N, C-alpha and C. Protein backbone atom coordinates (compact mmCIF):
# COMPACT_ATOMS: atom_id res chain seq x y z
N UNK A 1 0.58 -1.14 0.30
CA UNK A 1 0.07 -0.01 0.20
C UNK A 1 0.87 1.02 -0.21
N UNK A 2 0.37 2.34 -0.58
CA UNK A 2 1.15 3.81 -0.61
C UNK A 2 1.25 3.76 0.79
N UNK A 3 2.26 4.79 1.28
CA UNK A 3 2.38 5.06 2.25
C UNK A 3 1.96 6.45 2.48
N UNK A 4 1.36 5.82 3.75
CA UNK A 4 0.04 7.02 4.30
C UNK A 4 0.51 8.13 4.62
N UNK A 5 0.43 9.56 5.27
CA UNK A 5 0.79 10.73 5.70
C UNK A 5 0.59 10.74 7.27
N UNK A 6 -1.21 10.74 6.79
CA UNK A 6 -1.91 10.87 8.07
C UNK A 6 -2.94 9.93 8.07
N UNK A 7 -3.62 9.61 9.32
CA UNK A 7 -4.93 8.71 9.41
C UNK A 7 -6.34 9.73 9.98
N UNK A 8 -7.12 10.12 9.61
CA UNK A 8 -8.24 10.58 10.01
C UNK A 8 -9.27 9.31 10.71
N UNK A 9 -9.65 9.88 11.98
CA UNK A 9 -10.76 8.51 12.70
C UNK A 9 -11.83 9.05 12.48
N UNK A 10 -12.80 9.10 11.33
CA UNK A 10 -13.76 9.47 11.37
C UNK A 10 -14.82 8.60 11.99
N UNK A 11 -14.59 7.71 12.78
CA UNK A 11 -15.33 6.65 13.05
C UNK A 11 -16.55 7.28 13.78
N UNK A 12 -17.87 6.82 13.76
CA UNK A 12 -19.21 7.48 14.70
C UNK A 12 -19.49 8.64 14.24
N UNK A 13 -18.97 9.61 13.09
CA UNK A 13 -19.60 10.69 12.58
C UNK A 13 -20.51 10.60 11.49
N UNK A 14 -21.68 11.23 11.17
CA UNK A 14 -22.66 10.83 10.14
C UNK A 14 -22.70 11.89 9.06
N UNK A 15 -22.87 11.35 8.26
CA UNK A 15 -22.60 13.14 7.04
C UNK A 15 -23.32 14.04 7.45
N UNK A 16 -22.94 15.09 7.11
CA UNK A 16 -21.41 15.45 6.23
C UNK A 16 -20.01 15.63 6.75
N UNK A 17 -19.99 14.95 7.94
CA UNK A 17 -18.60 15.06 8.94
C UNK A 17 -17.50 14.52 8.43
N UNK A 18 -17.95 13.41 8.14
CA UNK A 18 -16.50 12.41 7.66
C UNK A 18 -16.03 13.51 6.44
N UNK A 19 -16.59 13.80 5.48
CA UNK A 19 -16.26 14.41 4.07
C UNK A 19 -15.74 16.23 4.47
N UNK A 20 -16.05 16.75 5.91
CA UNK A 20 -15.62 18.23 6.28
C UNK A 20 -14.48 17.60 7.04
N UNK A 21 -14.27 16.92 8.23
CA UNK A 21 -12.95 16.30 8.54
C UNK A 21 -12.18 16.42 7.54
N UNK A 22 -12.54 15.26 6.82
CA UNK A 22 -10.98 15.23 5.57
C UNK A 22 -11.03 16.26 4.91
N UNK A 23 -11.46 16.99 4.28
CA UNK A 23 -11.30 18.41 3.56
C UNK A 23 -10.31 19.23 4.22
N UNK A 24 -10.89 19.60 5.87
CA UNK A 24 -9.94 20.10 6.88
C UNK A 24 -8.53 19.43 6.73
N UNK A 25 -8.44 18.58 6.88
CA UNK A 25 -7.89 17.55 7.18
C UNK A 25 -6.51 18.13 6.16
N UNK A 26 -7.17 17.60 4.92
CA UNK A 26 -6.03 17.85 3.60
C UNK A 26 -5.98 19.29 3.22
N UNK A 27 -6.46 20.24 3.60
CA UNK A 27 -6.23 21.45 3.57
C UNK A 27 -5.00 21.88 3.96
N UNK A 28 -4.41 21.12 5.32
CA UNK A 28 -3.42 21.43 5.92
C UNK A 28 -2.08 20.44 5.30
N UNK A 29 -2.37 19.74 4.70
CA UNK A 29 -1.10 19.09 4.36
C UNK A 29 -0.84 19.04 3.07
N UNK A 30 0.35 18.85 2.67
CA UNK A 30 1.20 18.88 1.79
C UNK A 30 1.01 18.43 0.55
N UNK A 31 0.69 19.63 -0.80
CA UNK A 31 0.41 18.56 -2.13
C UNK A 31 1.03 17.32 -2.11
N UNK A 32 0.21 15.69 -2.63
CA UNK A 32 0.85 15.06 -2.96
C UNK A 32 0.56 13.93 -1.21
N UNK A 33 0.39 14.46 -0.72
CA UNK A 33 0.53 13.72 0.68
C UNK A 33 -0.90 12.37 0.84
N UNK A 34 -0.71 11.68 1.34
CA UNK A 34 -2.11 10.62 1.28
C UNK A 34 -2.47 10.43 3.15
N UNK A 35 -3.99 10.96 2.81
CA UNK A 35 -5.15 10.56 3.70
C UNK A 35 -5.25 9.40 4.20
N UNK A 36 -5.13 8.24 5.26
CA UNK A 36 -6.12 7.69 5.41
C UNK A 36 -7.03 8.09 6.29
N UNK A 37 -8.76 7.84 5.83
CA UNK A 37 -9.50 8.28 6.54
C UNK A 37 -10.72 6.77 6.64
N UNK A 38 -10.70 6.57 8.10
CA UNK A 38 -11.96 5.63 8.53
C UNK A 38 -13.12 5.96 8.81
N UNK A 39 -13.94 5.25 8.08
CA UNK A 39 -15.82 5.90 7.98
C UNK A 39 -16.61 4.76 8.37
N UNK A 40 -17.74 4.92 9.40
CA UNK A 40 -18.49 3.95 9.52
C UNK A 40 -20.26 4.30 9.08
N UNK A 41 -19.82 5.74 8.51
CA UNK A 41 -21.24 6.10 8.12
C UNK A 41 -21.49 5.38 6.54
N UNK A 42 -23.36 5.45 6.35
CA UNK A 42 -23.10 4.31 5.21
C UNK A 42 -23.28 5.43 3.80
N UNK A 43 -22.91 6.52 4.19
CA UNK A 43 -23.31 7.56 3.32
C UNK A 43 -22.21 7.77 2.64
N UNK A 44 -20.87 7.06 3.28
CA UNK A 44 -19.80 8.07 3.28
C UNK A 44 -19.22 7.35 1.47
N UNK A 45 -19.76 6.22 1.71
CA UNK A 45 -19.70 5.29 0.34
C UNK A 45 -19.96 6.23 -0.78
N UNK A 46 -21.14 7.00 -1.08
CA UNK A 46 -21.00 7.46 -1.57
C UNK A 46 -19.97 8.98 -1.93
N UNK A 47 -20.56 9.42 -0.62
CA UNK A 47 -19.65 11.38 -0.44
C UNK A 47 -18.36 11.11 -0.35
N UNK A 48 -17.59 9.98 -0.12
CA UNK A 48 -16.41 10.30 -0.17
C UNK A 48 -15.51 10.35 -1.52
N UNK A 49 -16.28 8.94 -2.28
CA UNK A 49 -15.92 9.23 -3.85
C UNK A 49 -15.75 10.50 -4.81
N UNK A 50 -17.65 10.91 -4.06
CA UNK A 50 -17.60 12.04 -4.63
C UNK A 50 -16.85 13.58 -4.17
N UNK A 51 -16.50 13.89 -3.27
CA UNK A 51 -15.69 14.96 -2.47
C UNK A 51 -14.52 14.60 -2.97
N UNK A 52 -13.56 13.70 -3.70
CA UNK A 52 -12.30 13.23 -4.37
C UNK A 52 -12.41 14.21 -5.88
N UNK A 53 -13.50 13.64 -6.25
CA UNK A 53 -13.80 13.85 -7.83
C UNK A 53 -13.94 15.38 -8.05
N UNK A 54 -14.70 15.90 -7.13
CA UNK A 54 -15.39 17.78 -6.98
C UNK A 54 -14.05 18.43 -6.64
N UNK A 55 -13.13 17.62 -5.65
CA UNK A 55 -11.72 18.74 -4.82
C UNK A 55 -10.86 18.42 -5.79
N UNK A 56 -10.54 17.61 -6.65
CA UNK A 56 -9.93 16.96 -7.65
C UNK A 56 -8.58 16.09 -7.09
N UNK A 57 -8.87 15.38 -5.86
CA UNK A 57 -7.89 14.72 -5.17
C UNK A 57 -8.02 13.13 -5.84
N UNK A 58 -7.15 12.22 -5.62
CA UNK A 58 -7.52 11.04 -6.13
C UNK A 58 -7.90 9.94 -5.41
N UNK A 59 -8.99 9.33 -5.31
CA UNK A 59 -9.06 8.41 -4.67
C UNK A 59 -8.28 6.91 -4.88
N UNK A 60 -7.56 6.64 -4.07
CA UNK A 60 -6.32 5.36 -4.28
C UNK A 60 -6.90 4.06 -4.05
N UNK A 61 -7.27 4.17 -2.87
CA UNK A 61 -8.13 2.74 -2.27
C UNK A 61 -9.45 2.95 -1.80
N UNK A 62 -10.36 1.94 -1.77
CA UNK A 62 -11.45 2.03 -1.01
C UNK A 62 -11.73 0.71 -0.61
N UNK A 63 -12.00 0.64 0.51
CA UNK A 63 -12.20 -1.21 0.80
C UNK A 63 -12.95 -0.85 2.30
N UNK A 64 -13.76 -2.18 2.74
CA UNK A 64 -14.42 -2.64 3.98
C UNK A 64 -13.59 -3.29 4.78
N UNK A 65 -13.74 -2.76 5.74
CA UNK A 65 -12.58 -3.57 6.95
C UNK A 65 -13.23 -3.86 8.52
N UNK A 66 -14.05 -4.82 8.01
CA UNK A 66 -15.03 -5.26 9.27
C UNK A 66 -16.43 -4.20 9.45
N UNK A 67 -16.40 -3.24 10.13
CA UNK A 67 -17.63 -2.71 10.43
C UNK A 67 -17.20 -1.15 9.81
N UNK A 68 -16.64 -0.89 9.34
CA UNK A 68 -16.04 0.10 8.69
C UNK A 68 -15.67 0.56 7.31
N UNK A 69 -15.47 1.64 6.54
CA UNK A 69 -14.67 1.66 5.69
C UNK A 69 -13.29 2.33 5.79
N UNK A 70 -12.23 2.00 4.52
CA UNK A 70 -11.16 2.95 4.89
C UNK A 70 -11.05 3.53 2.98
N UNK A 71 -10.63 5.07 3.01
CA UNK A 71 -10.36 5.53 2.00
C UNK A 71 -8.89 5.84 1.95
N UNK A 72 -8.31 5.74 1.04
CA UNK A 72 -6.81 6.29 0.78
C UNK A 72 -7.21 7.31 -0.05
N UNK A 73 -6.75 8.63 -0.01
CA UNK A 73 -6.77 9.71 -1.04
C UNK A 73 -5.57 10.64 -0.68
N UNK A 74 -4.80 10.80 -2.04
CA UNK A 74 -3.82 11.78 -2.30
C UNK A 74 -4.25 13.05 -2.68
N UNK A 75 -3.97 13.71 -2.03
CA UNK A 75 -4.07 15.66 -1.95
C UNK A 75 -3.64 15.90 -3.65
N UNK A 76 -4.36 16.48 -3.97
CA UNK A 76 -4.20 16.81 -5.31
C UNK A 76 -3.24 18.04 -5.34
N UNK A 77 -2.36 17.94 -6.44
CA UNK A 77 -0.74 18.90 -6.42
C UNK A 77 -1.85 20.22 -7.06
């Protein structure tokens, strides 16, 4: 897997908080950095990929790990 720069735990947060927190964290990270986002909100499956497309970030990976999802996002340059 790609080297993760930071991990954001958004477990227990409901829409739109996982995406809003990811946006805020990515803003403070350098271009090309990798954010691993943990979420268990069912809407995140739609919201996170849509956010990446809209913001121009790259969704490197999206997988289910037990009772939550893991998203790996590369900040756009």
